[in-house]
Amino acid sequence: MATNYNNTKQTLPMPAFRLACRLLFILPLMTAAVFTPTLQANEAVRKAEQLEQVVAPDSAASKITEPLSEQEAQAIDPAGRDPLEEPLTCLARTIYWEAKGVPGRDMESVANVVMNRLADSNFPNTLCEVVRQGSEQSPCQFSWWCDGKPDEVVEGDAYEVAKEVARQALNQELPDHTGGALYFHDRTVHPPWADVYLLTAETDTFIFYRPDATLAD
């Protein structure tokens, strides 16, 4: 009886060296797939910290050398659950919680206020310190930080938009729609300081202010 050599070859075990070669090829790909997002996020955080210090008045950094890309910004805090420990997350989470459900330029205008505070020597020298200024109990500077509710993101699409706005703000690509405002409030409230500060801009949802320099003396 004739032997089917083709079928016989197919059933022979793969030589050990061929299996080892395949594993050596596959394992680096698997490793890259696991670690690349983390490495990209770490590099993006490094860039964000440098961009933050270009704006901060007490920093020696003076110009942007490495702007954040869209892909890098989205690699940071992808699930919206990271601790508030680095610039883009602190800024994006503030934009998200203060203006995630409102139309028009509201997100960008909130970003403007946070960046204007970072650039002002009367406020802290990092974005996270600006955002967290005050305490978890009122009064604090941004309502979402002291409302007693969880700070994790619940709407992924809106947070992606907020991170893109934060990226543009850190890259200094975002126009200031607020006229240099350092404060804002929702139209549904009227805090006492609104009668003292100069109104600089309005959106459908917010009203923006800065201190009157003529009253500084």
N, C-alpha and C. Protein backbone atom coordinates (compact mmCIF):
# COMPACT_ATOMS: atom_id res chain seq x y z
N MET A 1 0.85 -1.20 0.00
CA MET A 1 0.00 0.00 0.00
C MET A 1 0.87 1.24 0.00
N ALA A 2 0.53 2.19 -0.86
CA ALA A 2 1.33 3.41 -0.97
C ALA A 2 1.15 4.27 0.27
N THR A 3 2.23 4.95 0.63
CA THR A 3 2.20 5.86 1.79
C THR A 3 2.00 7.29 1.32
N ASN A 4 1.11 8.03 1.95
CA ASN A 4 0.86 9.44 1.62
C ASN A 4 1.87 10.28 2.40
N TYR A 5 2.98 10.64 1.75
CA TYR A 5 4.05 11.35 2.44
C TYR A 5 3.66 12.77 2.81
N ASN A 6 2.80 13.41 2.02
CA ASN A 6 2.38 14.78 2.34
C ASN A 6 1.64 14.81 3.67
N ASN A 7 0.68 13.84 3.84
CA ASN A 7 -0.06 13.80 5.09
C ASN A 7 0.85 13.46 6.26
N THR A 8 1.84 12.59 5.99
CA THR A 8 2.76 12.21 7.05
C THR A 8 3.56 13.41 7.53
N LYS A 9 4.02 14.25 6.62
CA LYS A 9 4.79 15.43 6.97
C LYS A 9 3.96 16.39 7.80
N GLN A 10 2.68 16.50 7.51
CA GLN A 10 1.85 17.44 8.23
C GLN A 10 1.63 17.02 9.67
N THR A 11 1.76 15.74 9.96
CA THR A 11 1.50 15.29 11.32
C THR A 11 2.77 15.22 12.17
N LEU A 12 3.94 15.43 11.57
CA LEU A 12 5.17 15.41 12.34
C LEU A 12 5.24 16.62 13.26
N PRO A 13 5.77 16.50 14.47
CA PRO A 13 5.88 17.64 15.39
C PRO A 13 6.86 18.68 14.86
N MET A 14 6.60 19.95 15.16
CA MET A 14 7.47 21.03 14.74
C MET A 14 8.81 20.92 15.46
N PRO A 15 9.92 21.02 14.76
CA PRO A 15 11.22 20.97 15.43
C PRO A 15 11.32 22.06 16.49
N ALA A 16 12.06 21.78 17.55
CA ALA A 16 12.14 22.70 18.69
C ALA A 16 12.69 24.06 18.29
N PHE A 17 13.69 24.07 17.39
CA PHE A 17 14.29 25.35 17.04
C PHE A 17 13.33 26.24 16.26
N ARG A 18 12.43 25.64 15.45
CA ARG A 18 11.44 26.44 14.72
C ARG A 18 10.43 27.03 15.68
N LEU A 19 10.01 26.25 16.68
CA LEU A 19 9.08 26.75 17.68
C LEU A 19 9.71 27.89 18.47
N ALA A 20 10.98 27.73 18.83
CA ALA A 20 11.67 28.78 19.58
C ALA A 20 11.76 30.07 18.76
N CYS A 21 12.05 29.91 17.45
CA CYS A 21 12.13 31.10 16.60
C CYS A 21 10.81 31.84 16.54
N ARG A 22 9.74 31.08 16.43
CA ARG A 22 8.42 31.72 16.38
C ARG A 22 8.11 32.45 17.68
N LEU A 23 8.45 31.83 18.79
CA LEU A 23 8.21 32.47 20.10
C LEU A 23 9.03 33.74 20.24
N LEU A 24 10.29 33.69 19.77
CA LEU A 24 11.14 34.88 19.84
C LEU A 24 10.56 36.01 19.00
N PHE A 25 9.86 35.68 17.94
CA PHE A 25 9.24 36.70 17.09
C PHE A 25 7.96 37.24 17.72
N ILE A 26 7.17 36.35 18.32
CA ILE A 26 5.85 36.73 18.85
C ILE A 26 5.96 37.50 20.16
N LEU A 27 6.85 37.07 21.07
CA LEU A 27 6.92 37.66 22.40
C LEU A 27 7.22 39.16 22.39
N PRO A 28 8.18 39.65 21.57
CA PRO A 28 8.36 41.11 21.53
C PRO A 28 7.13 41.86 21.08
N LEU A 29 6.38 41.28 20.15
CA LEU A 29 5.15 41.94 19.71
C LEU A 29 4.14 42.02 20.84
N MET A 30 4.04 40.93 21.61
CA MET A 30 3.12 40.93 22.74
C MET A 30 3.56 41.93 23.79
N THR A 31 4.87 42.00 24.05
CA THR A 31 5.40 42.94 25.02
C THR A 31 5.13 44.37 24.60
N ALA A 32 5.35 44.67 23.31
CA ALA A 32 5.10 46.02 22.81
C ALA A 32 3.64 46.38 22.94
N ALA A 33 2.76 45.41 22.65
CA ALA A 33 1.33 45.68 22.75
C ALA A 33 0.92 46.02 24.18
N VAL A 34 1.60 45.39 25.16
CA VAL A 34 1.24 45.62 26.56
C VAL A 34 1.80 46.93 27.07
N PHE A 35 3.06 47.25 26.73
CA PHE A 35 3.75 48.37 27.36
C PHE A 35 3.70 49.67 26.58
N THR A 36 3.41 49.64 25.29
CA THR A 36 3.44 50.87 24.51
C THR A 36 2.47 51.93 25.03
N PRO A 37 1.21 51.61 25.35
CA PRO A 37 0.32 52.66 25.87
C PRO A 37 0.83 53.30 27.14
N THR A 38 1.41 52.52 28.05
CA THR A 38 1.95 53.07 29.29
C THR A 38 3.13 53.98 29.02
N LEU A 39 4.03 53.54 28.14
CA LEU A 39 5.19 54.35 27.80
C LEU A 39 4.76 55.65 27.12
N GLN A 40 3.77 55.55 26.24
CA GLN A 40 3.27 56.76 25.57
C GLN A 40 2.65 57.72 26.56
N ALA A 41 1.88 57.19 27.51
CA ALA A 41 1.27 58.05 28.52
C ALA A 41 2.32 58.72 29.38
N ASN A 42 3.37 57.98 29.76
CA ASN A 42 4.43 58.56 30.58
C ASN A 42 5.15 59.68 29.84
N GLU A 43 5.39 59.48 28.55
CA GLU A 43 6.04 60.51 27.75
C GLU A 43 5.13 61.73 27.62
N ALA A 44 3.84 61.49 27.45
CA ALA A 44 2.89 62.60 27.34
C ALA A 44 2.81 63.39 28.64
N VAL A 45 2.85 62.71 29.77
CA VAL A 45 2.85 63.40 31.07
C VAL A 45 4.08 64.28 31.20
N ARG A 46 5.23 63.76 30.79
CA ARG A 46 6.47 64.55 30.84
C ARG A 46 6.33 65.83 30.02
N LYS A 47 5.77 65.72 28.83
CA LYS A 47 5.58 66.90 27.98
C LYS A 47 4.60 67.88 28.63
N ALA A 48 3.51 67.34 29.18
CA ALA A 48 2.50 68.20 29.81
C ALA A 48 3.10 68.98 30.97
N GLU A 49 3.96 68.34 31.74
CA GLU A 49 4.59 69.03 32.87
C GLU A 49 5.51 70.15 32.39
N GLN A 50 6.20 69.92 31.28
CA GLN A 50 7.03 70.98 30.72
C GLN A 50 6.19 72.13 30.19
N LEU A 51 5.09 71.81 29.51
CA LEU A 51 4.21 72.84 28.98
C LEU A 51 3.59 73.67 30.10
N GLU A 52 3.23 73.02 31.18
CA GLU A 52 2.68 73.71 32.35
C GLU A 52 3.67 74.76 32.87
N GLN A 53 4.93 74.38 32.93
CA GLN A 53 5.93 75.28 33.50
C GLN A 53 6.29 76.44 32.57
N VAL A 54 5.99 76.31 31.29
CA VAL A 54 6.16 77.45 30.37
C VAL A 54 5.21 78.58 30.77
N VAL A 55 4.04 78.23 31.26
CA VAL A 55 3.03 79.23 31.63
C VAL A 55 3.24 79.75 33.04
N ALA A 56 3.66 78.89 33.97
CA ALA A 56 3.80 79.28 35.37
C ALA A 56 4.82 80.41 35.51
N PRO A 57 4.49 81.47 36.25
CA PRO A 57 5.37 82.65 36.30
C PRO A 57 6.67 82.42 37.04
N ASP A 58 6.74 81.46 37.95
CA ASP A 58 7.94 81.24 38.74
C ASP A 58 8.88 80.23 38.12
N SER A 59 8.61 79.81 36.91
CA SER A 59 9.42 78.78 36.26
C SER A 59 10.44 79.41 35.32
N ALA A 60 11.56 78.70 35.15
CA ALA A 60 12.60 79.17 34.22
C ALA A 60 12.27 78.84 32.78
N ALA A 61 11.33 77.92 32.55
CA ALA A 61 10.95 77.55 31.17
C ALA A 61 10.29 78.74 30.50
N SER A 62 10.63 78.97 29.24
CA SER A 62 10.13 80.18 28.57
C SER A 62 9.45 79.93 27.24
N LYS A 63 9.64 78.77 26.65
CA LYS A 63 9.02 78.52 25.36
C LYS A 63 8.68 77.05 25.19
N ILE A 64 7.73 76.80 24.33
CA ILE A 64 7.30 75.42 24.06
C ILE A 64 8.29 74.76 23.11
N THR A 65 8.81 73.63 23.53
CA THR A 65 9.74 72.89 22.67
C THR A 65 9.14 71.58 22.17
N GLU A 66 8.22 71.00 22.94
CA GLU A 66 7.61 69.72 22.56
C GLU A 66 6.10 69.78 22.81
N PRO A 67 5.32 70.22 21.84
CA PRO A 67 3.86 70.24 22.05
C PRO A 67 3.29 68.84 22.14
N LEU A 68 2.16 68.75 22.82
CA LEU A 68 1.44 67.48 22.94
C LEU A 68 0.65 67.19 21.68
N SER A 69 0.71 65.97 21.20
CA SER A 69 -0.13 65.56 20.07
C SER A 69 -1.49 65.09 20.57
N GLU A 70 -2.44 64.99 19.66
CA GLU A 70 -3.77 64.49 20.04
C GLU A 70 -3.69 63.08 20.60
N GLN A 71 -2.91 62.23 19.95
CA GLN A 71 -2.79 60.84 20.40
C GLN A 71 -2.18 60.77 21.79
N GLU A 72 -1.16 61.58 22.06
CA GLU A 72 -0.53 61.58 23.37
C GLU A 72 -1.50 62.04 24.46
N ALA A 73 -2.26 63.09 24.16
CA ALA A 73 -3.21 63.59 25.16
C ALA A 73 -4.25 62.54 25.51
N GLN A 74 -4.73 61.80 24.51
CA GLN A 74 -5.75 60.78 24.77
C GLN A 74 -5.17 59.58 25.51
N ALA A 75 -3.85 59.39 25.45
CA ALA A 75 -3.21 58.27 26.15
C ALA A 75 -3.18 58.50 27.66
N ILE A 76 -3.27 59.76 28.09
CA ILE A 76 -3.25 60.08 29.51
C ILE A 76 -4.64 59.84 30.11
N ASP A 77 -4.68 59.20 31.25
CA ASP A 77 -5.94 58.98 31.98
C ASP A 77 -7.05 58.47 31.05
N PRO A 78 -6.83 57.36 30.34
CA PRO A 78 -7.80 56.95 29.32
C PRO A 78 -9.19 56.62 29.85
N ALA A 79 -9.28 56.13 31.09
CA ALA A 79 -10.58 55.76 31.65
C ALA A 79 -11.18 56.85 32.52
N GLY A 80 -10.45 57.95 32.71
CA GLY A 80 -10.96 59.02 33.55
C GLY A 80 -11.03 58.67 35.02
N ARG A 81 -10.11 57.81 35.47
CA ARG A 81 -10.13 57.36 36.86
C ARG A 81 -8.78 57.54 37.56
N ASP A 82 -7.81 58.13 36.88
CA ASP A 82 -6.49 58.30 37.49
C ASP A 82 -6.53 59.35 38.59
N PRO A 83 -5.59 59.27 39.54
CA PRO A 83 -5.49 60.32 40.56
C PRO A 83 -5.18 61.68 39.92
N LEU A 84 -5.56 62.73 40.59
CA LEU A 84 -5.29 64.09 40.09
C LEU A 84 -3.87 64.47 40.47
N GLU A 85 -2.92 64.02 39.64
CA GLU A 85 -1.51 64.18 39.99
C GLU A 85 -0.67 64.77 38.87
N GLU A 86 -1.24 64.99 37.70
CA GLU A 86 -0.45 65.56 36.60
C GLU A 86 -1.28 66.56 35.83
N PRO A 87 -0.64 67.45 35.07
CA PRO A 87 -1.32 68.65 34.54
C PRO A 87 -2.52 68.38 33.64
N LEU A 88 -2.37 67.50 32.66
CA LEU A 88 -3.47 67.35 31.71
C LEU A 88 -4.71 66.75 32.37
N THR A 89 -4.51 65.77 33.26
CA THR A 89 -5.66 65.18 33.94
C THR A 89 -6.37 66.22 34.81
N CYS A 90 -5.63 67.01 35.56
CA CYS A 90 -6.24 68.02 36.42
C CYS A 90 -7.02 69.05 35.60
N LEU A 91 -6.44 69.48 34.49
CA LEU A 91 -7.12 70.47 33.65
C LEU A 91 -8.32 69.85 32.94
N ALA A 92 -8.13 68.68 32.35
CA ALA A 92 -9.23 68.04 31.60
C ALA A 92 -10.39 67.67 32.51
N ARG A 93 -10.08 67.18 33.70
CA ARG A 93 -11.16 66.80 34.62
C ARG A 93 -11.95 68.03 35.06
N THR A 94 -11.27 69.18 35.21
CA THR A 94 -11.97 70.42 35.56
C THR A 94 -12.87 70.88 34.42
N ILE A 95 -12.34 70.84 33.20
CA ILE A 95 -13.13 71.21 32.03
C ILE A 95 -14.36 70.30 31.92
N TYR A 96 -14.12 69.01 32.12
CA TYR A 96 -15.20 68.03 32.00
C TYR A 96 -16.30 68.28 33.03
N TRP A 97 -15.94 68.38 34.29
CA TRP A 97 -16.96 68.49 35.33
C TRP A 97 -17.63 69.85 35.38
N GLU A 98 -16.92 70.90 35.01
CA GLU A 98 -17.53 72.22 35.04
C GLU A 98 -18.40 72.49 33.82
N ALA A 99 -18.09 71.86 32.68
CA ALA A 99 -18.77 72.27 31.44
C ALA A 99 -19.09 71.12 30.49
N LYS A 100 -19.15 69.88 30.97
CA LYS A 100 -19.32 68.75 30.05
C LYS A 100 -20.68 68.72 29.38
N GLY A 101 -21.70 69.31 29.99
CA GLY A 101 -23.04 69.22 29.42
C GLY A 101 -23.54 70.50 28.78
N VAL A 102 -22.64 71.44 28.50
CA VAL A 102 -23.06 72.74 27.98
C VAL A 102 -22.49 72.97 26.58
N PRO A 103 -23.16 73.77 25.76
CA PRO A 103 -22.76 73.94 24.36
C PRO A 103 -21.73 75.04 24.17
N GLY A 104 -21.32 75.22 22.91
CA GLY A 104 -20.52 76.38 22.53
C GLY A 104 -19.12 76.37 23.09
N ARG A 105 -18.67 77.55 23.53
CA ARG A 105 -17.29 77.72 23.96
C ARG A 105 -17.10 77.52 25.46
N ASP A 106 -18.04 76.96 26.13
CA ASP A 106 -17.94 76.87 27.58
C ASP A 106 -16.75 76.06 28.05
N MET A 107 -16.50 74.91 27.42
CA MET A 107 -15.34 74.11 27.81
C MET A 107 -14.05 74.89 27.62
N GLU A 108 -13.91 75.53 26.47
CA GLU A 108 -12.70 76.29 26.20
C GLU A 108 -12.55 77.45 27.17
N SER A 109 -13.65 78.08 27.53
CA SER A 109 -13.60 79.22 28.43
C SER A 109 -13.22 78.81 29.85
N VAL A 110 -13.68 77.65 30.29
CA VAL A 110 -13.25 77.13 31.59
C VAL A 110 -11.75 76.86 31.56
N ALA A 111 -11.26 76.28 30.47
CA ALA A 111 -9.82 76.05 30.33
C ALA A 111 -9.06 77.37 30.38
N ASN A 112 -9.60 78.41 29.76
CA ASN A 112 -8.96 79.72 29.79
C ASN A 112 -8.77 80.22 31.22
N VAL A 113 -9.81 80.08 32.03
CA VAL A 113 -9.73 80.56 33.41
C VAL A 113 -8.65 79.81 34.19
N VAL A 114 -8.60 78.49 34.04
CA VAL A 114 -7.59 77.71 34.77
C VAL A 114 -6.19 78.10 34.32
N MET A 115 -5.98 78.25 33.03
CA MET A 115 -4.66 78.64 32.52
C MET A 115 -4.31 80.06 32.93
N ASN A 116 -5.28 80.96 32.95
CA ASN A 116 -5.02 82.33 33.40
C ASN A 116 -4.59 82.35 34.86
N ARG A 117 -5.19 81.49 35.66
CA ARG A 117 -4.78 81.39 37.07
C ARG A 117 -3.36 80.85 37.18
N LEU A 118 -3.04 79.84 36.39
CA LEU A 118 -1.68 79.30 36.42
C LEU A 118 -0.66 80.38 36.10
N ALA A 119 -0.99 81.26 35.18
CA ALA A 119 -0.07 82.32 34.76
C ALA A 119 -0.01 83.49 35.73
N ASP A 120 -0.92 83.54 36.69
CA ASP A 120 -1.01 84.65 37.63
C ASP A 120 -0.26 84.31 38.91
N SER A 121 0.61 85.20 39.36
CA SER A 121 1.43 84.93 40.54
C SER A 121 0.63 84.86 41.83
N ASN A 122 -0.62 85.28 41.80
CA ASN A 122 -1.46 85.20 43.00
C ASN A 122 -2.08 83.82 43.20
N PHE A 123 -1.85 82.92 42.24
CA PHE A 123 -2.40 81.58 42.32
C PHE A 123 -1.26 80.56 42.35
N PRO A 124 -1.55 79.30 42.68
CA PRO A 124 -0.48 78.29 42.74
C PRO A 124 0.24 78.10 41.42
N ASN A 125 1.36 77.39 41.51
CA ASN A 125 2.31 77.30 40.40
C ASN A 125 2.17 76.05 39.55
N THR A 126 1.18 75.20 39.84
CA THR A 126 0.92 74.03 39.00
C THR A 126 -0.59 73.94 38.78
N LEU A 127 -0.97 73.27 37.71
CA LEU A 127 -2.40 73.15 37.40
C LEU A 127 -3.15 72.37 38.47
N CYS A 128 -2.55 71.30 38.97
CA CYS A 128 -3.25 70.52 39.99
C CYS A 128 -3.45 71.32 41.26
N GLU A 129 -2.48 72.15 41.62
CA GLU A 129 -2.64 72.98 42.81
C GLU A 129 -3.68 74.06 42.57
N VAL A 130 -3.74 74.59 41.36
CA VAL A 130 -4.77 75.57 41.01
C VAL A 130 -6.15 74.95 41.17
N VAL A 131 -6.30 73.76 40.62
CA VAL A 131 -7.60 73.08 40.64
C VAL A 131 -8.01 72.69 42.05
N ARG A 132 -7.04 72.24 42.84
CA ARG A 132 -7.35 71.74 44.18
C ARG A 132 -7.32 72.85 45.24
N GLN A 133 -7.08 74.07 44.83
CA GLN A 133 -6.97 75.16 45.81
C GLN A 133 -8.24 75.23 46.66
N GLY A 134 -8.06 75.32 47.96
CA GLY A 134 -9.17 75.17 48.87
C GLY A 134 -9.12 73.77 49.46
N SER A 135 -10.23 73.20 49.76
CA SER A 135 -10.24 71.87 50.35
C SER A 135 -11.40 71.07 49.77
N GLU A 136 -11.50 69.85 50.20
CA GLU A 136 -12.61 69.01 49.76
C GLU A 136 -13.94 69.49 50.34
N GLN A 137 -13.89 70.42 51.26
CA GLN A 137 -15.11 70.99 51.83
C GLN A 137 -15.15 72.47 51.47
N SER A 138 -16.27 72.98 51.10
CA SER A 138 -16.38 74.38 50.69
C SER A 138 -15.86 75.30 51.79
N PRO A 139 -15.27 76.48 51.45
CA PRO A 139 -15.19 76.94 50.06
C PRO A 139 -13.95 76.39 49.34
N CYS A 140 -14.10 76.11 48.08
CA CYS A 140 -12.97 75.78 47.23
C CYS A 140 -13.18 76.49 45.90
N GLN A 141 -12.14 76.48 45.07
CA GLN A 141 -12.15 77.33 43.88
C GLN A 141 -13.02 76.78 42.74
N PHE A 142 -13.13 75.47 42.64
CA PHE A 142 -13.92 74.87 41.58
C PHE A 142 -14.95 73.94 42.21
N SER A 143 -16.19 74.11 41.83
CA SER A 143 -17.29 73.45 42.53
C SER A 143 -17.20 71.93 42.49
N TRP A 144 -16.73 71.36 41.40
CA TRP A 144 -16.69 69.90 41.29
C TRP A 144 -15.72 69.29 42.29
N TRP A 145 -14.72 70.05 42.71
CA TRP A 145 -13.70 69.51 43.59
C TRP A 145 -14.19 69.37 45.03
N CYS A 146 -15.22 70.12 45.39
CA CYS A 146 -15.67 70.06 46.79
C CYS A 146 -17.16 69.76 46.89
N ASP A 147 -17.70 69.07 45.89
CA ASP A 147 -19.13 68.77 45.95
C ASP A 147 -19.43 67.46 46.66
N GLY A 148 -18.38 66.76 47.12
CA GLY A 148 -18.58 65.52 47.85
C GLY A 148 -18.92 64.32 46.99
N LYS A 149 -18.91 64.49 45.67
CA LYS A 149 -19.26 63.41 44.76
C LYS A 149 -17.99 62.78 44.18
N PRO A 150 -18.08 61.56 43.63
CA PRO A 150 -16.91 60.94 42.99
C PRO A 150 -16.38 61.80 41.84
N ASP A 151 -15.07 61.81 41.66
CA ASP A 151 -14.44 62.64 40.63
C ASP A 151 -14.17 61.88 39.34
N GLU A 152 -14.50 60.58 39.31
CA GLU A 152 -14.22 59.79 38.11
C GLU A 152 -15.20 60.15 36.99
N VAL A 153 -14.70 60.04 35.77
CA VAL A 153 -15.48 60.38 34.58
C VAL A 153 -16.60 59.36 34.36
N VAL A 154 -17.76 59.83 33.92
CA VAL A 154 -18.88 58.94 33.64
C VAL A 154 -19.31 58.98 32.17
N GLU A 155 -18.80 59.94 31.41
CA GLU A 155 -19.14 60.04 29.99
C GLU A 155 -17.84 60.14 29.18
N GLY A 156 -17.45 59.00 28.60
CA GLY A 156 -16.17 58.93 27.92
C GLY A 156 -16.02 59.89 26.76
N ASP A 157 -17.06 60.04 25.94
CA ASP A 157 -16.96 60.91 24.78
C ASP A 157 -16.73 62.36 25.19
N ALA A 158 -17.45 62.81 26.20
CA ALA A 158 -17.28 64.18 26.66
C ALA A 158 -15.89 64.38 27.25
N TYR A 159 -15.35 63.36 27.89
CA TYR A 159 -14.02 63.49 28.47
C TYR A 159 -12.94 63.54 27.39
N GLU A 160 -13.14 62.82 26.30
CA GLU A 160 -12.20 62.92 25.19
C GLU A 160 -12.16 64.35 24.65
N VAL A 161 -13.32 64.98 24.55
CA VAL A 161 -13.37 66.38 24.10
C VAL A 161 -12.65 67.27 25.11
N ALA A 162 -12.89 67.04 26.39
CA ALA A 162 -12.25 67.84 27.43
C ALA A 162 -10.73 67.70 27.38
N LYS A 163 -10.24 66.49 27.12
CA LYS A 163 -8.79 66.30 27.04
C LYS A 163 -8.21 66.98 25.81
N GLU A 164 -8.96 67.02 24.73
CA GLU A 164 -8.47 67.73 23.55
C GLU A 164 -8.42 69.24 23.81
N VAL A 165 -9.42 69.76 24.50
CA VAL A 165 -9.39 71.19 24.87
C VAL A 165 -8.20 71.46 25.80
N ALA A 166 -7.97 70.57 26.76
CA ALA A 166 -6.84 70.73 27.68
C ALA A 166 -5.51 70.68 26.92
N ARG A 167 -5.41 69.80 25.96
CA ARG A 167 -4.18 69.72 25.14
C ARG A 167 -3.91 71.03 24.43
N GLN A 168 -4.94 71.57 23.79
CA GLN A 168 -4.78 72.84 23.08
C GLN A 168 -4.39 73.96 24.03
N ALA A 169 -4.98 73.94 25.23
CA ALA A 169 -4.65 74.97 26.21
C ALA A 169 -3.19 74.87 26.65
N LEU A 170 -2.73 73.66 26.93
CA LEU A 170 -1.33 73.47 27.33
C LEU A 170 -0.37 73.84 26.22
N ASN A 171 -0.75 73.56 24.98
CA ASN A 171 0.08 73.92 23.82
C ASN A 171 0.01 75.41 23.49
N GLN A 172 -0.81 76.15 24.23
CA GLN A 172 -1.06 77.57 23.97
C GLN A 172 -1.63 77.79 22.56
N GLU A 173 -2.48 76.88 22.14
CA GLU A 173 -3.16 76.97 20.85
C GLU A 173 -4.59 77.46 21.01
N LEU A 174 -5.02 77.66 22.24
CA LEU A 174 -6.42 77.99 22.52
C LEU A 174 -6.56 79.50 22.74
N PRO A 175 -7.37 80.19 21.92
CA PRO A 175 -7.59 81.62 22.16
C PRO A 175 -8.28 81.83 23.50
N ASP A 176 -7.98 82.96 24.14
CA ASP A 176 -8.64 83.29 25.40
C ASP A 176 -9.96 83.98 25.08
N HIS A 177 -11.05 83.25 25.30
CA HIS A 177 -12.38 83.79 25.02
C HIS A 177 -12.91 84.63 26.18
N THR A 178 -12.14 84.70 27.27
CA THR A 178 -12.67 85.30 28.50
C THR A 178 -12.11 86.68 28.82
N GLY A 179 -11.20 87.19 27.99
CA GLY A 179 -10.63 88.50 28.28
C GLY A 179 -9.76 88.50 29.53
N GLY A 180 -9.04 87.40 29.75
CA GLY A 180 -8.15 87.33 30.90
C GLY A 180 -8.84 87.02 32.21
N ALA A 181 -10.01 86.42 32.18
CA ALA A 181 -10.78 86.16 33.40
C ALA A 181 -10.07 85.19 34.33
N LEU A 182 -10.24 85.44 35.62
CA LEU A 182 -9.73 84.55 36.67
C LEU A 182 -10.86 83.88 37.45
N TYR A 183 -12.07 84.31 37.19
CA TYR A 183 -13.23 83.79 37.93
C TYR A 183 -14.40 83.63 36.96
N PHE A 184 -15.31 82.73 37.30
CA PHE A 184 -16.54 82.59 36.54
C PHE A 184 -17.60 81.98 37.44
N HIS A 185 -18.83 82.15 37.05
CA HIS A 185 -19.91 81.48 37.76
C HIS A 185 -21.02 81.13 36.79
N ASP A 186 -21.82 80.17 37.17
CA ASP A 186 -22.98 79.77 36.40
C ASP A 186 -24.02 80.89 36.43
N ARG A 187 -24.77 81.01 35.37
CA ARG A 187 -25.79 82.07 35.29
C ARG A 187 -26.90 81.90 36.33
N THR A 188 -27.00 80.71 36.88
CA THR A 188 -28.09 80.47 37.84
C THR A 188 -27.75 80.95 39.25
N VAL A 189 -26.50 81.41 39.46
CA VAL A 189 -26.11 81.91 40.78
C VAL A 189 -25.51 83.31 40.63
N HIS A 190 -25.37 84.01 41.78
CA HIS A 190 -24.75 85.34 41.76
C HIS A 190 -23.94 85.51 43.05
N PRO A 191 -22.66 85.10 43.02
CA PRO A 191 -21.83 85.22 44.22
C PRO A 191 -21.53 86.69 44.55
N PRO A 192 -21.24 87.01 45.81
CA PRO A 192 -20.99 88.41 46.20
C PRO A 192 -19.85 89.08 45.43
N TRP A 193 -18.81 88.30 45.09
CA TRP A 193 -17.67 88.91 44.41
C TRP A 193 -18.01 89.37 42.99
N ALA A 194 -19.12 88.92 42.43
CA ALA A 194 -19.51 89.36 41.09
C ALA A 194 -19.85 90.84 41.05
N ASP A 195 -20.17 91.43 42.19
CA ASP A 195 -20.47 92.86 42.23
C ASP A 195 -19.20 93.71 42.33
N VAL A 196 -18.06 93.05 42.58
CA VAL A 196 -16.80 93.78 42.78
C VAL A 196 -15.89 93.65 41.57
N TYR A 197 -15.86 92.47 40.97
CA TYR A 197 -14.95 92.23 39.85
C TYR A 197 -15.52 92.74 38.53
N LEU A 198 -14.62 92.91 37.55
CA LEU A 198 -15.02 93.36 36.22
C LEU A 198 -15.55 92.20 35.39
N LEU A 199 -16.69 92.37 34.79
CA LEU A 199 -17.22 91.36 33.89
C LEU A 199 -16.44 91.44 32.58
N THR A 200 -15.89 90.31 32.14
CA THR A 200 -15.05 90.31 30.93
C THR A 200 -15.66 89.56 29.76
N ALA A 201 -16.53 88.59 30.02
CA ALA A 201 -17.10 87.79 28.92
C ALA A 201 -18.30 87.02 29.43
N GLU A 202 -19.13 86.57 28.49
CA GLU A 202 -20.29 85.77 28.82
C GLU A 202 -20.46 84.67 27.78
N THR A 203 -20.92 83.53 28.23
CA THR A 203 -21.36 82.47 27.31
C THR A 203 -22.81 82.14 27.64
N ASP A 204 -23.35 81.14 26.99
CA ASP A 204 -24.73 80.75 27.27
C ASP A 204 -24.91 80.28 28.70
N THR A 205 -23.83 79.76 29.29
CA THR A 205 -23.94 79.14 30.62
C THR A 205 -23.21 79.92 31.71
N PHE A 206 -22.09 80.57 31.37
CA PHE A 206 -21.23 81.18 32.38
C PHE A 206 -21.04 82.67 32.16
N ILE A 207 -20.65 83.35 33.25
CA ILE A 207 -20.22 84.76 33.20
C ILE A 207 -18.82 84.82 33.80
N PHE A 208 -17.93 85.57 33.17
CA PHE A 208 -16.51 85.58 33.51
C PHE A 208 -16.08 86.95 34.02
N TYR A 209 -15.10 86.93 34.95
CA TYR A 209 -14.67 88.15 35.61
C TYR A 209 -13.16 88.14 35.86
N ARG A 210 -12.63 89.33 36.07
CA ARG A 210 -11.29 89.48 36.62
C ARG A 210 -11.31 90.65 37.62
N PRO A 211 -10.36 90.70 38.52
CA PRO A 211 -10.33 91.82 39.48
C PRO A 211 -10.13 93.15 38.77
N ASP A 212 -10.67 94.19 39.35
CA ASP A 212 -10.51 95.55 38.81
C ASP A 212 -9.16 96.08 39.26
N ALA A 213 -8.24 96.23 38.31
CA ALA A 213 -6.88 96.67 38.66
C ALA A 213 -6.87 98.05 39.27
N THR A 214 -7.86 98.88 38.98
CA THR A 214 -7.88 100.24 39.52
C THR A 214 -8.19 100.24 41.01
N LEU A 215 -8.73 99.12 41.52
CA LEU A 215 -9.04 99.04 42.94
C LEU A 215 -7.96 98.34 43.74
N ALA A 216 -6.87 97.97 43.06
CA ALA A 216 -5.81 97.20 43.72
C ALA A 216 -5.11 98.00 44.79
N ASP A 217 -5.04 99.31 44.60
CA ASP A 217 -4.38 100.15 45.58
C ASP A 217 -5.30 100.44 46.76
